[in-house]
Amino acid sequence: MIICHCTQVSDRDIMSAIDWMRASDPDTIITVGKIYHALGKKADCGGCVSLFVSTMRSNPNFKVPAVLQNLREAPGAEAEKKAAR
């Protein structure tokens, strides 16, 4: 299925790019821009971004690297730290 009509990027192109990027660097952060770059294309109008991202998320290799997971603190954690001091 064509995801980006401006540049003719298909869901298979997106999936292949994600699989290739994850295989070449397990800790890479995969973005829409990186996928376009890997495919040798440039984003145009941006009308496809929501469908593009949902297609990316459906790939099991699309994940946040473990070293970057859970970096945000829970809401209110900063106030609790200050109160404990």
PDB file of N, CA and C in Angstrom:
ATOM      1  N   MET A   1       0.841  -1.167   0.000  1.00  0.00           N
ATOM      2  CA  MET A   1       0.000   0.000   0.000  1.00  0.00           C
ATOM      3  C   MET A   1       0.900   1.249   0.000  1.00  0.00           C
ATOM      4  N   ILE A   2       0.535   2.203  -0.793  1.00  0.00           N
ATOM      5  CA  ILE A   2       1.290   3.463  -0.841  1.00  0.00           C
ATOM      6  C   ILE A   2       0.924   4.301   0.388  1.00  0.00           C
ATOM      7  N   ILE A   3       1.942   4.711   1.125  1.00  0.00           N
ATOM      8  CA  ILE A   3       1.746   5.526   2.323  1.00  0.00           C
ATOM      9  C   ILE A   3       1.960   7.005   1.988  1.00  0.00           C
ATOM     10  N   CYS A   4       3.016   7.294   1.235  1.00  0.00           N
ATOM     11  CA  CYS A   4       3.321   8.663   0.830  1.00  0.00           C
ATOM     12  C   CYS A   4       3.153   8.760  -0.684  1.00  0.00           C
ATOM     13  N   HIS A   5       2.083   9.440  -1.098  1.00  0.00           N
ATOM     14  CA  HIS A   5       1.821   9.556  -2.533  1.00  0.00           C
ATOM     15  C   HIS A   5       2.799  10.509  -3.221  1.00  0.00           C
ATOM     16  N   CYS A   6       3.300  11.493  -2.492  1.00  0.00           N
ATOM     17  CA  CYS A   6       4.234  12.464  -3.093  1.00  0.00           C
ATOM     18  C   CYS A   6       5.522  11.788  -3.564  1.00  0.00           C
ATOM     19  N   THR A   7       6.020  10.848  -2.766  1.00  0.00           N
ATOM     20  CA  THR A   7       7.310  10.218  -3.082  1.00  0.00           C
ATOM     21  C   THR A   7       7.194   8.726  -3.364  1.00  0.00           C
ATOM     22  N   GLN A   8       5.950   8.221  -3.392  1.00  0.00           N
ATOM     23  CA  GLN A   8       5.692   6.805  -3.689  1.00  0.00           C
ATOM     24  C   GLN A   8       6.376   5.858  -2.704  1.00  0.00           C
ATOM     25  N   VAL A   9       6.271   6.162  -1.415  1.00  0.00           N
ATOM     26  CA  VAL A   9       6.807   5.287  -0.372  1.00  0.00           C
ATOM     27  C   VAL A   9       5.689   4.345   0.053  1.00  0.00           C
ATOM     28  N   SER A  10       5.976   3.055   0.020  1.00  0.00           N
ATOM     29  CA  SER A  10       4.973   2.058   0.400  1.00  0.00           C
ATOM     30  C   SER A  10       5.194   1.565   1.822  1.00  0.00           C
ATOM     31  N   ASP A  11       4.208   0.845   2.325  1.00  0.00           N
ATOM     32  CA  ASP A  11       4.361   0.256   3.654  1.00  0.00           C
ATOM     33  C   ASP A  11       5.505  -0.751   3.663  1.00  0.00           C
ATOM     34  N   ARG A  12       5.717  -1.447   2.578  1.00  0.00           N
ATOM     35  CA  ARG A  12       6.842  -2.393   2.484  1.00  0.00           C
ATOM     36  C   ARG A  12       8.181  -1.664   2.527  1.00  0.00           C
ATOM     37  N   ASP A  13       8.252  -0.500   1.890  1.00  0.00           N
ATOM     38  CA  ASP A  13       9.482   0.305   1.944  1.00  0.00           C
ATOM     39  C   ASP A  13       9.798   0.698   3.385  1.00  0.00           C
ATOM     40  N   ILE A  14       8.761   1.137   4.099  1.00  0.00           N
ATOM     41  CA  ILE A  14       8.939   1.566   5.490  1.00  0.00           C
ATOM     42  C   ILE A  14       9.399   0.397   6.351  1.00  0.00           C
ATOM     43  N   MET A  15       8.735  -0.741   6.194  1.00  0.00           N
ATOM     44  CA  MET A  15       9.093  -1.920   6.988  1.00  0.00           C
ATOM     45  C   MET A  15      10.518  -2.390   6.694  1.00  0.00           C
ATOM     46  N   SER A  16      10.880  -2.391   5.427  1.00  0.00           N
ATOM     47  CA  SER A  16      12.240  -2.810   5.051  1.00  0.00           C
ATOM     48  C   SER A  16      13.287  -1.863   5.614  1.00  0.00           C
ATOM     49  N   ALA A  17      13.008  -0.562   5.552  1.00  0.00           N
ATOM     50  CA  ALA A  17      13.954   0.424   6.077  1.00  0.00           C
ATOM     51  C   ALA A  17      14.129   0.258   7.582  1.00  0.00           C
ATOM     52  N   ILE A  18      13.040   0.037   8.301  1.00  0.00           N
ATOM     53  CA  ILE A  18      13.121  -0.156   9.754  1.00  0.00           C
ATOM     54  C   ILE A  18      13.933  -1.409  10.071  1.00  0.00           C
ATOM     55  N   ASP A  19      13.633  -2.500   9.382  1.00  0.00           N
ATOM     56  CA  ASP A  19      14.364  -3.752   9.612  1.00  0.00           C
ATOM     57  C   ASP A  19      15.856  -3.577   9.331  1.00  0.00           C
ATOM     58  N   TRP A  20      16.181  -2.871   8.256  1.00  0.00           N
ATOM     59  CA  TRP A  20      17.578  -2.635   7.891  1.00  0.00           C
ATOM     60  C   TRP A  20      18.273  -1.769   8.950  1.00  0.00           C
ATOM     61  N   MET A  21      17.606  -0.694   9.378  1.00  0.00           N
ATOM     62  CA  MET A  21      18.212   0.193  10.370  1.00  0.00           C
ATOM     63  C   MET A  21      18.431  -0.520  11.698  1.00  0.00           C
ATOM     64  N   ARG A  22      17.456  -1.310  12.128  1.00  0.00           N
ATOM     65  CA  ARG A  22      17.577  -2.019  13.398  1.00  0.00           C
ATOM     66  C   ARG A  22      18.686  -3.073  13.323  1.00  0.00           C
ATOM     67  N   ALA A  23      18.809  -3.750  12.181  1.00  0.00           N
ATOM     68  CA  ALA A  23      19.854  -4.763  12.023  1.00  0.00           C
ATOM     69  C   ALA A  23      21.240  -4.127  12.011  1.00  0.00           C
ATOM     70  N   SER A  24      21.359  -2.944  11.420  1.00  0.00           N
ATOM     71  CA  SER A  24      22.672  -2.311  11.325  1.00  0.00           C
ATOM     72  C   SER A  24      23.071  -1.597  12.611  1.00  0.00           C
ATOM     73  N   ASP A  25      22.091  -1.149  13.410  1.00  0.00           N
ATOM     74  CA  ASP A  25      22.392  -0.488  14.682  1.00  0.00           C
ATOM     75  C   ASP A  25      21.224  -0.707  15.643  1.00  0.00           C
ATOM     76  N   PRO A  26      21.328  -1.681  16.533  1.00  0.00           N
ATOM     77  CA  PRO A  26      20.223  -2.005  17.437  1.00  0.00           C
ATOM     78  C   PRO A  26      19.795  -0.857  18.350  1.00  0.00           C
ATOM     79  N   ASP A  27      20.668   0.121  18.564  1.00  0.00           N
ATOM     80  CA  ASP A  27      20.353   1.221  19.474  1.00  0.00           C
ATOM     81  C   ASP A  27      19.948   2.506  18.761  1.00  0.00           C
ATOM     82  N   THR A  28      19.734   2.452  17.464  1.00  0.00           N
ATOM     83  CA  THR A  28      19.380   3.666  16.739  1.00  0.00           C
ATOM     84  C   THR A  28      17.961   4.110  17.069  1.00  0.00           C
ATOM     85  N   ILE A  29      17.740   5.390  17.033  1.00  0.00           N
ATOM     86  CA  ILE A  29      16.399   5.944  17.175  1.00  0.00           C
ATOM     87  C   ILE A  29      15.863   6.115  15.763  1.00  0.00           C
ATOM     88  N   ILE A  30      14.770   5.450  15.471  1.00  0.00           N
ATOM     89  CA  ILE A  30      14.208   5.463  14.117  1.00  0.00           C
ATOM     90  C   ILE A  30      13.158   6.558  14.029  1.00  0.00           C
ATOM     91  N   THR A  31      13.329   7.442  13.059  1.00  0.00           N
ATOM     92  CA  THR A  31      12.392   8.542  12.845  1.00  0.00           C
ATOM     93  C   THR A  31      11.892   8.520  11.408  1.00  0.00           C
ATOM     94  N   VAL A  32      10.852   9.282  11.160  1.00  0.00           N
ATOM     95  CA  VAL A  32      10.323   9.410   9.801  1.00  0.00           C
ATOM     96  C   VAL A  32      11.419   9.931   8.878  1.00  0.00           C
ATOM     97  N   GLY A  33      12.135  10.947   9.329  1.00  0.00           N
ATOM     98  CA  GLY A  33      13.206  11.534   8.517  1.00  0.00           C
ATOM     99  C   GLY A  33      14.294  10.538   8.175  1.00  0.00           C
ATOM    100  N   LYS A  34      14.660   9.704   9.135  1.00  0.00           N
ATOM    101  CA  LYS A  34      15.692   8.698   8.878  1.00  0.00           C
ATOM    102  C   LYS A  34      15.211   7.664   7.865  1.00  0.00           C
ATOM    103  N   ILE A  35      13.933   7.343   7.914  1.00  0.00           N
ATOM    104  CA  ILE A  35      13.406   6.384   6.943  1.00  0.00           C
ATOM    105  C   ILE A  35      13.430   6.989   5.548  1.00  0.00           C
ATOM    106  N   TYR A  36      12.980   8.231   5.414  1.00  0.00           N
ATOM    107  CA  TYR A  36      13.058   8.885   4.105  1.00  0.00           C
ATOM    108  C   TYR A  36      14.499   8.913   3.606  1.00  0.00           C
ATOM    109  N   HIS A  37      15.416   9.268   4.491  1.00  0.00           N
ATOM    110  CA  HIS A  37      16.831   9.341   4.111  1.00  0.00           C
ATOM    111  C   HIS A  37      17.344   7.970   3.668  1.00  0.00           C
ATOM    112  N   ALA A  38      16.984   6.917   4.411  1.00  0.00           N
ATOM    113  CA  ALA A  38      17.422   5.556   4.061  1.00  0.00           C
ATOM    114  C   ALA A  38      16.880   5.138   2.697  1.00  0.00           C
ATOM    115  N   LEU A  39      15.710   5.659   2.348  1.00  0.00           N
ATOM    116  CA  LEU A  39      15.096   5.328   1.061  1.00  0.00           C
ATOM    117  C   LEU A  39      15.563   6.258  -0.057  1.00  0.00           C
ATOM    118  N   GLY A  40      16.396   7.236   0.286  1.00  0.00           N
ATOM    119  CA  GLY A  40      16.896   8.177  -0.716  1.00  0.00           C
ATOM    120  C   GLY A  40      15.837   9.155  -1.186  1.00  0.00           C
ATOM    121  N   LYS A  41      14.911   9.482  -0.293  1.00  0.00           N
ATOM    122  CA  LYS A  41      13.812  10.390  -0.642  1.00  0.00           C
ATOM    123  C   LYS A  41      13.711  11.496   0.384  1.00  0.00           C
ATOM    124  N   LYS A  42      12.892  12.497   0.083  1.00  0.00           N
ATOM    125  CA  LYS A  42      12.653  13.609   0.993  1.00  0.00           C
ATOM    126  C   LYS A  42      11.153  13.763   1.185  1.00  0.00           C
ATOM    127  N   ALA A  43      10.755  14.050   2.417  1.00  0.00           N
ATOM    128  CA  ALA A  43       9.340  14.302   2.688  1.00  0.00           C
ATOM    129  C   ALA A  43       8.907  15.549   1.927  1.00  0.00           C
ATOM    130  N   ASP A  44       7.645  15.587   1.540  1.00  0.00           N
ATOM    131  CA  ASP A  44       7.159  16.723   0.756  1.00  0.00           C
ATOM    132  C   ASP A  44       6.077  17.482   1.524  1.00  0.00           C
ATOM    133  N   CYS A  45       4.826  17.108   1.379  1.00  0.00           N
ATOM    134  CA  CYS A  45       3.740  17.910   1.953  1.00  0.00           C
ATOM    135  C   CYS A  45       3.449  17.601   3.413  1.00  0.00           C
ATOM    136  N   GLY A  46       3.777  16.399   3.890  1.00  0.00           N
ATOM    137  CA  GLY A  46       3.536  16.024   5.277  1.00  0.00           C
ATOM    138  C   GLY A  46       2.152  15.460   5.540  1.00  0.00           C
ATOM    139  N   GLY A  47       1.332  15.347   4.518  1.00  0.00           N
ATOM    140  CA  GLY A  47      -0.010  14.814   4.695  1.00  0.00           C
ATOM    141  C   GLY A  47      -0.044  13.355   5.119  1.00  0.00           C
ATOM    142  N   CYS A  48       1.030  12.651   4.913  1.00  0.00           N
ATOM    143  CA  CYS A  48       1.083  11.212   5.213  1.00  0.00           C
ATOM    144  C   CYS A  48       1.646  10.905   6.592  1.00  0.00           C
ATOM    145  N   VAL A  49       2.063  11.900   7.334  1.00  0.00           N
ATOM    146  CA  VAL A  49       2.831  11.646   8.555  1.00  0.00           C
ATOM    147  C   VAL A  49       2.095  10.750   9.542  1.00  0.00           C
ATOM    148  N   SER A  50       0.819  10.975   9.777  1.00  0.00           N
ATOM    149  CA  SER A  50       0.113  10.141  10.758  1.00  0.00           C
ATOM    150  C   SER A  50       0.037   8.692  10.286  1.00  0.00           C
ATOM    151  N   LEU A  51      -0.233   8.450   9.018  1.00  0.00           N
ATOM    152  CA  LEU A  51      -0.255   7.092   8.487  1.00  0.00           C
ATOM    153  C   LEU A  51       1.156   6.498   8.459  1.00  0.00           C
ATOM    154  N   PHE A  52       2.136   7.330   8.137  1.00  0.00           N
ATOM    155  CA  PHE A  52       3.536   6.899   8.116  1.00  0.00           C
ATOM    156  C   PHE A  52       3.947   6.413   9.505  1.00  0.00           C
ATOM    157  N   VAL A  53       3.630   7.197  10.529  1.00  0.00           N
ATOM    158  CA  VAL A  53       4.009   6.851  11.904  1.00  0.00           C
ATOM    159  C   VAL A  53       3.262   5.602  12.374  1.00  0.00           C
ATOM    160  N   SER A  54       1.984   5.493  12.058  1.00  0.00           N
ATOM    161  CA  SER A  54       1.256   4.296  12.483  1.00  0.00           C
ATOM    162  C   SER A  54       1.802   3.053  11.785  1.00  0.00           C
ATOM    163  N   THR A  55       2.260   3.198  10.552  1.00  0.00           N
ATOM    164  CA  THR A  55       2.893   2.082   9.845  1.00  0.00           C
ATOM    165  C   THR A  55       4.209   1.721  10.518  1.00  0.00           C
ATOM    166  N   MET A  56       4.990   2.727  10.895  1.00  0.00           N
ATOM    167  CA  MET A  56       6.241   2.483  11.603  1.00  0.00           C
ATOM    168  C   MET A  56       5.986   1.718  12.895  1.00  0.00           C
ATOM    169  N   ARG A  57       5.001   2.158  13.661  1.00  0.00           N
ATOM    170  CA  ARG A  57       4.709   1.543  14.961  1.00  0.00           C
ATOM    171  C   ARG A  57       4.238   0.100  14.843  1.00  0.00           C
ATOM    172  N   SER A  58       3.722  -0.282  13.682  1.00  0.00           N
ATOM    173  CA  SER A  58       3.246  -1.657  13.511  1.00  0.00           C
ATOM    174  C   SER A  58       4.391  -2.645  13.281  1.00  0.00           C
ATOM    175  N   ASN A  59       5.594  -2.123  13.061  1.00  0.00           N
ATOM    176  CA  ASN A  59       6.749  -2.999  12.859  1.00  0.00           C
ATOM    177  C   ASN A  59       7.311  -3.416  14.219  1.00  0.00           C
ATOM    178  N   PRO A  60       7.467  -4.728  14.450  1.00  0.00           N
ATOM    179  CA  PRO A  60       7.993  -5.172  15.744  1.00  0.00           C
ATOM    180  C   PRO A  60       9.425  -4.697  16.033  1.00  0.00           C
ATOM    181  N   ASN A  61      10.166  -4.302  15.006  1.00  0.00           N
ATOM    182  CA  ASN A  61      11.528  -3.795  15.206  1.00  0.00           C
ATOM    183  C   ASN A  61      11.562  -2.310  15.540  1.00  0.00           C
ATOM    184  N   PHE A  62      10.407  -1.661  15.497  1.00  0.00           N
ATOM    185  CA  PHE A  62      10.342  -0.246  15.834  1.00  0.00           C
ATOM    186  C   PHE A  62      10.127  -0.149  17.333  1.00  0.00           C
ATOM    187  N   LYS A  63      11.157   0.229  18.039  1.00  0.00           N
ATOM    188  CA  LYS A  63      11.080   0.347  19.492  1.00  0.00           C
ATOM    189  C   LYS A  63      12.111   1.366  19.942  1.00  0.00           C
ATOM    190  N   VAL A  64      11.915   1.863  21.128  1.00  0.00           N
ATOM    191  CA  VAL A  64      12.890   2.768  21.716  1.00  0.00           C
ATOM    192  C   VAL A  64      13.991   1.889  22.316  1.00  0.00           C
ATOM    193  N   PRO A  65      15.256   2.192  22.011  1.00  0.00           N
ATOM    194  CA  PRO A  65      16.347   1.397  22.593  1.00  0.00           C
ATOM    195  C   PRO A  65      16.255   1.365  24.121  1.00  0.00           C
ATOM    196  N   ALA A  66      16.607   0.228  24.687  1.00  0.00           N
ATOM    197  CA  ALA A  66      16.487   0.026  26.138  1.00  0.00           C
ATOM    198  C   ALA A  66      17.204   1.108  26.943  1.00  0.00           C
ATOM    199  N   VAL A  67      18.344   1.586  26.457  1.00  0.00           N
ATOM    200  CA  VAL A  67      19.089   2.598  27.211  1.00  0.00           C
ATOM    201  C   VAL A  67      18.350   3.928  27.281  1.00  0.00           C
ATOM    202  N   LEU A  68      17.352   4.124  26.423  1.00  0.00           N
ATOM    203  CA  LEU A  68      16.607   5.378  26.411  1.00  0.00           C
ATOM    204  C   LEU A  68      15.211   5.255  27.004  1.00  0.00           C
ATOM    205  N   GLN A  69      14.815   4.055  27.377  1.00  0.00           N
ATOM    206  CA  GLN A  69      13.485   3.864  27.942  1.00  0.00           C
ATOM    207  C   GLN A  69      13.437   4.360  29.379  1.00  0.00           C
ATOM    208  N   ASN A  70      12.297   4.856  29.757  1.00  0.00           N
ATOM    209  CA  ASN A  70      12.020   5.297  31.132  1.00  0.00           C
ATOM    210  C   ASN A  70      12.928   6.429  31.602  1.00  0.00           C
ATOM    211  N   LEU A  71      13.289   7.326  30.718  1.00  0.00           N
ATOM    212  CA  LEU A  71      14.131   8.456  31.111  1.00  0.00           C
ATOM    213  C   LEU A  71      13.322   9.562  31.796  1.00  0.00           C
ATOM    214  N   ARG A  72      12.046   9.618  31.478  1.00  0.00           N
ATOM    215  CA  ARG A  72      11.204  10.631  32.108  1.00  0.00           C
ATOM    216  C   ARG A  72      10.838  10.190  33.513  1.00  0.00           C
ATOM    217  N   GLU A  73      10.810  11.155  34.393  1.00  0.00           N
ATOM    218  CA  GLU A  73      10.383  10.858  35.751  1.00  0.00           C
ATOM    219  C   GLU A  73       8.867  10.954  35.821  1.00  0.00           C
ATOM    220  N   ALA A  74       8.300  10.255  36.755  1.00  0.00           N
ATOM    221  CA  ALA A  74       6.863  10.303  36.954  1.00  0.00           C
ATOM    222  C   ALA A  74       6.454  11.722  37.352  1.00  0.00           C
ATOM    223  N   PRO A  75       5.236  12.140  36.999  1.00  0.00           N
ATOM    224  CA  PRO A  75       4.775  13.478  37.396  1.00  0.00           C
ATOM    225  C   PRO A  75       4.839  13.639  38.912  1.00  0.00           C
ATOM    226  N   GLY A  76       5.367  14.740  39.352  1.00  0.00           N
ATOM    227  CA  GLY A  76       5.480  15.007  40.779  1.00  0.00           C
ATOM    228  C   GLY A  76       6.748  14.475  41.411  1.00  0.00           C
ATOM    229  N   ALA A  77       7.536  13.719  40.676  1.00  0.00           N
ATOM    230  CA  ALA A  77       8.753  13.141  41.242  1.00  0.00           C
ATOM    231  C   ALA A  77       9.756  14.214  41.618  1.00  0.00           C
ATOM    232  N   GLU A  78       9.828  15.268  40.832  1.00  0.00           N
ATOM    233  CA  GLU A  78      10.764  16.360  41.135  1.00  0.00           C
ATOM    234  C   GLU A  78      10.379  17.047  42.445  1.00  0.00           C
ATOM    235  N   ALA A  79       9.081  17.245  42.657  1.00  0.00           N
ATOM    236  CA  ALA A  79       8.623  17.881  43.908  1.00  0.00           C
ATOM    237  C   ALA A  79       8.930  16.976  45.105  1.00  0.00           C
ATOM    238  N   GLU A  80       8.779  15.663  44.902  1.00  0.00           N
ATOM    239  CA  GLU A  80       9.071  14.725  45.989  1.00  0.00           C
ATOM    240  C   GLU A  80      10.574  14.748  46.333  1.00  0.00           C
ATOM    241  N   LYS A  81      11.415  14.897  45.326  1.00  0.00           N
ATOM    242  CA  LYS A  81      12.863  14.945  45.564  1.00  0.00           C
ATOM    243  C   LYS A  81      13.216  16.186  46.384  1.00  0.00           C
ATOM    244  N   LYS A  82      12.603  17.336  46.019  1.00  0.00           N
ATOM    245  CA  LYS A  82      12.879  18.575  46.732  1.00  0.00           C
ATOM    246  C   LYS A  82      12.391  18.492  48.171  1.00  0.00           C
ATOM    247  N   ALA A  83      11.240  17.874  48.373  1.00  0.00           N
ATOM    248  CA  ALA A  83      10.681  17.753  49.720  1.00  0.00           C
ATOM    249  C   ALA A  83      11.544  16.836  50.590  1.00  0.00           C
ATOM    250  N   ALA A  84      12.168  15.860  49.991  1.00  0.00           N
ATOM    251  CA  ALA A  84      12.994  14.908  50.739  1.00  0.00           C
ATOM    252  C   ALA A  84      14.318  15.518  51.164  1.00  0.00           C
ATOM    253  N   ARG A  85      14.719  16.596  50.527  1.00  0.00           N
ATOM    254  CA  ARG A  85      16.007  17.226  50.843  1.00  0.00           C
ATOM    255  C   ARG A  85      15.954  17.984  52.090  1.00  0.00           C
TER     256      ARG A  85
END
